[in-house]
Amino acid sequence: KAIIDIIMSDVSEDTRLSQIQEHLEGLKTALLDGKVALKDLAITKSLTKDPSDYPDKKSLPHVQAALRLNSAGGKRLRSGDTVAYVICEDGSNLAATQRAYHVDEVKESSTLKIDTHYYLAQQLHPVVSRLCDPIDGMDSARVAACLGLDPSHYKSRAHVEEQEDPDTRDEDKFLSCTPLNLSCVCGEPFVLDAPFKGSGKDIIPTLLRCPAD
């Protein structure tokens, strides 16, 4: 939300770019220093059946967390319950989906550590990159650098985009996505359904135009 507020703020492009970079670097530092509250890192998902009834348990982190908590005794999670979990470093080489732990377990453990790389690379980077895509100087690689990730792993994105069908509309690419409902700084609600509005010389990033105009 802070990034959206910066993008929509009435400041110069240079100031906006600087504020985004400073905010991302601050987020990285806070996460690495353990200053981000566990509740802010928790990912929540509901169980549609009892954890033991899922056929693909290993690929579902909330199911893994529920099974682990249930096996420890005490609180038991069932179908309909919401699982709040975090991805941790537990000393194993398992995939992130199999290193999901219920927040209650993490609170009581002295050995489980938050997998900061997972949160930077898988939770923050994809979302921020998409929001900042229309901003010059804030491409995917730059976002990665601000988050302390290797930017060379993200530079190929431009090449991939060049290979896309030029006739494919943005609205067709994201038909399966849930619309992002936002409010302008003036209070006017709007749906962010495309990165740009207008065409030709009149094109402008959607987040830089007030919906009331």
Protein backbone atom coordinates (compact mmCIF):
# COMPACT_ATOMS: atom_id res chain seq x y z
CA LYS A 1 0.00 0.00 0.00
CA ALA A 2 2.87 2.38 0.75
CA ILE A 3 4.19 1.93 -2.80
CA ILE A 4 0.75 2.74 -4.24
CA ASP A 5 0.56 5.86 -2.07
CA ILE A 6 3.97 6.99 -3.38
CA ILE A 7 3.04 6.30 -7.01
CA MET A 8 -0.16 8.30 -6.65
CA SER A 9 1.40 11.18 -4.72
CA ASP A 10 1.67 14.61 -6.33
CA VAL A 11 5.47 14.82 -6.58
CA SER A 12 8.03 14.97 -9.38
CA GLU A 13 9.08 11.77 -11.17
CA ASP A 14 12.58 11.97 -9.66
CA THR A 15 11.17 12.36 -6.15
CA ARG A 16 8.72 9.50 -6.71
CA LEU A 17 11.52 7.23 -7.94
CA SER A 18 13.73 8.13 -4.99
CA GLN A 19 10.94 7.55 -2.47
CA ILE A 20 10.12 4.12 -3.92
CA GLN A 21 13.75 3.06 -3.81
CA GLU A 22 14.19 4.28 -0.24
CA HIS A 23 11.02 2.51 0.87
CA LEU A 24 12.08 -0.80 -0.72
CA GLU A 25 15.55 -0.59 0.79
CA GLY A 26 13.95 0.16 4.16
CA LEU A 27 11.69 -2.88 3.83
CA LYS A 28 14.68 -5.07 3.00
CA THR A 29 16.63 -3.81 6.00
CA ALA A 30 13.69 -4.24 8.37
CA LEU A 31 13.08 -7.78 7.17
CA LEU A 32 16.73 -8.81 7.41
CA ASP A 33 17.03 -7.24 10.87
CA GLY A 34 13.98 -9.13 12.12
CA LYS A 35 11.98 -5.96 12.70
CA VAL A 36 8.91 -7.01 10.69
CA ALA A 37 6.17 -8.38 12.95
CA LEU A 38 5.25 -12.04 12.50
CA LYS A 39 1.62 -11.08 11.86
CA ASP A 40 2.73 -8.98 8.90
CA LEU A 41 4.56 -11.93 7.37
CA ALA A 42 1.78 -14.45 7.95
CA ILE A 43 0.05 -15.86 4.87
CA THR A 44 -3.51 -17.05 5.47
CA LYS A 45 -5.51 -19.66 3.62
CA SER A 46 -8.58 -21.68 4.54
CA LEU A 47 -8.78 -25.45 4.59
CA THR A 48 -11.51 -26.80 2.30
CA LYS A 49 -11.14 -30.28 3.79
CA ASP A 50 -9.32 -31.94 6.68
CA PRO A 51 -5.52 -31.63 6.17
CA SER A 52 -5.02 -35.38 5.96
CA ASP A 53 -7.58 -35.64 3.14
CA TYR A 54 -5.61 -33.54 0.65
CA PRO A 55 -4.02 -35.72 -2.08
CA ASP A 56 -1.32 -33.15 -2.96
CA LYS A 57 -0.15 -32.25 0.55
CA LYS A 58 3.48 -31.47 -0.32
CA SER A 59 2.58 -28.72 -2.77
CA LEU A 60 0.21 -26.89 -0.40
CA PRO A 61 2.01 -24.89 2.30
CA HIS A 62 -1.09 -24.24 4.42
CA VAL A 63 -1.79 -27.97 4.48
CA GLN A 64 1.82 -28.71 5.46
CA ALA A 65 1.58 -26.20 8.31
CA ALA A 66 -1.75 -27.63 9.50
CA LEU A 67 -0.48 -31.23 9.42
CA ARG A 68 2.63 -30.28 11.36
CA LEU A 69 0.64 -28.41 13.99
CA ASN A 70 -1.89 -31.23 14.32
CA SER A 71 0.84 -33.83 14.78
CA ALA A 72 2.23 -31.86 17.72
CA GLY A 73 -1.03 -32.26 19.63
CA GLY A 74 -3.05 -29.55 21.33
CA LYS A 75 -4.79 -27.29 18.79
CA ARG A 76 -6.25 -29.24 15.86
CA LEU A 77 -7.07 -27.67 12.52
CA ARG A 78 -9.95 -29.03 10.45
CA SER A 79 -11.91 -28.27 7.32
CA GLY A 80 -13.14 -24.66 7.39
CA ASP A 81 -10.33 -23.42 9.62
CA THR A 82 -8.00 -20.66 8.44
CA VAL A 83 -4.29 -21.44 8.61
CA ALA A 84 -1.85 -18.59 9.27
CA TYR A 85 1.65 -19.67 8.29
CA VAL A 86 5.09 -18.33 7.46
CA ILE A 87 7.89 -19.76 5.34
CA CYS A 88 10.93 -20.55 7.48
CA GLU A 89 14.51 -21.70 7.24
CA ASP A 90 14.51 -24.94 9.19
CA GLY A 91 17.90 -26.38 8.26
CA SER A 92 16.49 -28.53 5.45
CA ASN A 93 16.82 -28.23 1.69
CA LEU A 94 13.11 -28.74 1.12
CA ALA A 95 11.06 -26.56 -1.20
CA ALA A 96 9.47 -23.46 0.34
CA THR A 97 6.03 -25.08 0.23
CA GLN A 98 7.32 -27.76 2.60
CA ARG A 99 8.89 -25.26 4.99
CA ALA A 100 5.62 -23.63 5.98
CA TYR A 101 5.03 -23.39 9.74
CA HIS A 102 2.00 -22.20 11.66
CA VAL A 103 2.64 -18.86 13.36
CA ASP A 104 2.04 -20.48 16.76
CA GLU A 105 4.90 -22.91 16.11
CA VAL A 106 7.26 -20.12 15.10
CA LYS A 107 6.43 -18.10 18.22
CA GLU A 108 7.36 -21.03 20.44
CA SER A 109 10.47 -22.10 18.51
CA SER A 110 14.01 -20.89 19.15
CA THR A 111 15.43 -22.49 15.99
CA LEU A 112 13.01 -21.57 13.19
CA LYS A 113 14.07 -18.47 11.26
CA ILE A 114 12.05 -16.50 8.73
CA ASP A 115 13.14 -17.24 5.15
CA THR A 116 13.82 -13.64 4.25
CA HIS A 117 14.89 -14.47 0.69
CA TYR A 118 11.53 -16.11 0.03
CA TYR A 119 9.63 -13.03 1.19
CA LEU A 120 11.83 -10.65 -0.78
CA ALA A 121 11.87 -12.70 -3.98
CA GLN A 122 8.44 -14.35 -3.96
CA GLN A 123 6.17 -12.03 -1.98
CA LEU A 124 7.52 -8.50 -2.45
CA HIS A 125 9.32 -8.49 -5.80
CA PRO A 126 6.50 -9.75 -8.08
CA VAL A 127 3.92 -7.33 -6.67
CA VAL A 128 6.17 -4.26 -6.57
CA SER A 129 7.56 -4.96 -10.05
CA ARG A 130 4.08 -5.02 -11.50
CA LEU A 131 3.07 -1.79 -9.76
CA CYS A 132 6.25 0.00 -10.82
CA ASP A 133 6.31 -1.32 -14.39
CA PRO A 134 5.08 1.97 -15.95
CA ILE A 135 7.70 4.05 -14.10
CA ASP A 136 10.90 4.87 -16.01
CA GLY A 137 13.98 3.74 -14.09
CA MET A 138 12.06 1.29 -11.91
CA ASP A 139 12.03 -1.90 -13.93
CA SER A 140 12.08 -5.43 -12.55
CA ALA A 141 15.87 -5.51 -12.24
CA ARG A 142 15.96 -2.22 -10.33
CA VAL A 143 13.29 -3.42 -7.91
CA ALA A 144 15.37 -6.55 -7.35
CA ALA A 145 18.49 -4.49 -6.59
CA CYS A 146 16.59 -2.37 -4.05
CA LEU A 147 15.44 -5.56 -2.32
CA GLY A 148 18.97 -6.96 -2.21
CA LEU A 149 18.30 -9.59 -4.89
CA ASP A 150 20.53 -10.35 -7.87
CA PRO A 151 19.23 -8.04 -10.62
CA SER A 152 20.79 -10.18 -13.36
CA HIS A 153 18.15 -12.83 -12.66
CA TYR A 154 15.43 -10.41 -13.69
CA LYS A 155 16.88 -8.57 -16.68
CA SER A 156 15.65 -11.17 -19.17
CA ARG A 157 12.08 -10.01 -18.57
CA ALA A 158 12.31 -7.30 -21.24
CA HIS A 159 13.45 -9.88 -23.78
CA VAL A 160 10.53 -12.14 -22.87
CA GLU A 161 8.08 -9.28 -23.28
CA GLU A 162 9.49 -8.55 -26.74
CA GLN A 163 8.57 -12.08 -27.79
CA GLU A 164 4.93 -11.65 -26.83
CA ASP A 165 2.28 -11.30 -29.49
CA PRO A 166 2.04 -7.53 -30.07
CA ASP A 167 -1.67 -7.89 -30.81
CA THR A 168 -2.43 -9.38 -27.39
CA ARG A 169 -4.26 -6.83 -25.26
CA ASP A 170 -3.42 -6.34 -21.56
CA GLU A 171 -7.01 -7.09 -20.61
CA ASP A 172 -6.75 -10.46 -22.41
CA LYS A 173 -3.51 -11.38 -20.63
CA PHE A 174 -5.04 -10.95 -17.20
CA LEU A 175 -8.60 -12.17 -17.64
CA SER A 176 -8.19 -14.64 -14.77
CA CYS A 177 -6.90 -12.01 -12.33
CA THR A 178 -9.04 -10.45 -9.61
CA PRO A 179 -9.53 -6.69 -10.28
CA LEU A 180 -7.50 -4.41 -8.00
CA ASN A 181 -9.82 -1.90 -6.32
CA LEU A 182 -8.08 1.26 -5.11
CA SER A 183 -8.88 4.75 -3.92
CA CYS A 184 -7.24 7.90 -5.26
CA VAL A 185 -5.71 10.40 -2.82
CA CYS A 186 -8.82 12.50 -3.47
CA GLY A 187 -10.96 9.64 -2.15
CA GLU A 188 -12.45 8.59 -5.49
CA PRO A 189 -12.55 4.75 -5.85
CA PHE A 190 -11.42 3.09 -9.09
CA VAL A 191 -10.42 -0.27 -10.55
CA LEU A 192 -6.82 -0.66 -11.71
CA ASP A 193 -7.45 -2.78 -14.82
CA ALA A 194 -4.55 -1.65 -17.02
CA PRO A 195 -1.12 -0.08 -16.47
CA PHE A 196 -1.81 2.75 -18.91
CA LYS A 197 -4.73 4.92 -20.01
CA GLY A 198 -5.12 6.76 -23.29
CA SER A 199 -3.24 6.21 -26.53
CA GLY A 200 -0.55 7.78 -28.66
CA LYS A 201 0.77 11.06 -27.26
CA ASP A 202 -1.99 11.07 -24.64
CA ILE A 203 -0.95 7.79 -22.98
CA ILE A 204 -0.25 8.05 -19.25
CA PRO A 205 0.32 5.55 -16.41
CA THR A 206 -3.05 4.78 -14.80
CA LEU A 207 -1.79 5.48 -11.30
CA LEU A 208 -0.70 9.00 -12.30
CA ARG A 209 -4.18 10.11 -13.36
CA CYS A 210 -6.98 10.96 -10.96
CA PRO A 211 -10.13 8.96 -11.85
CA ALA A 212 -12.20 12.10 -11.18
CA ASP A 213 -10.47 13.99 -14.02
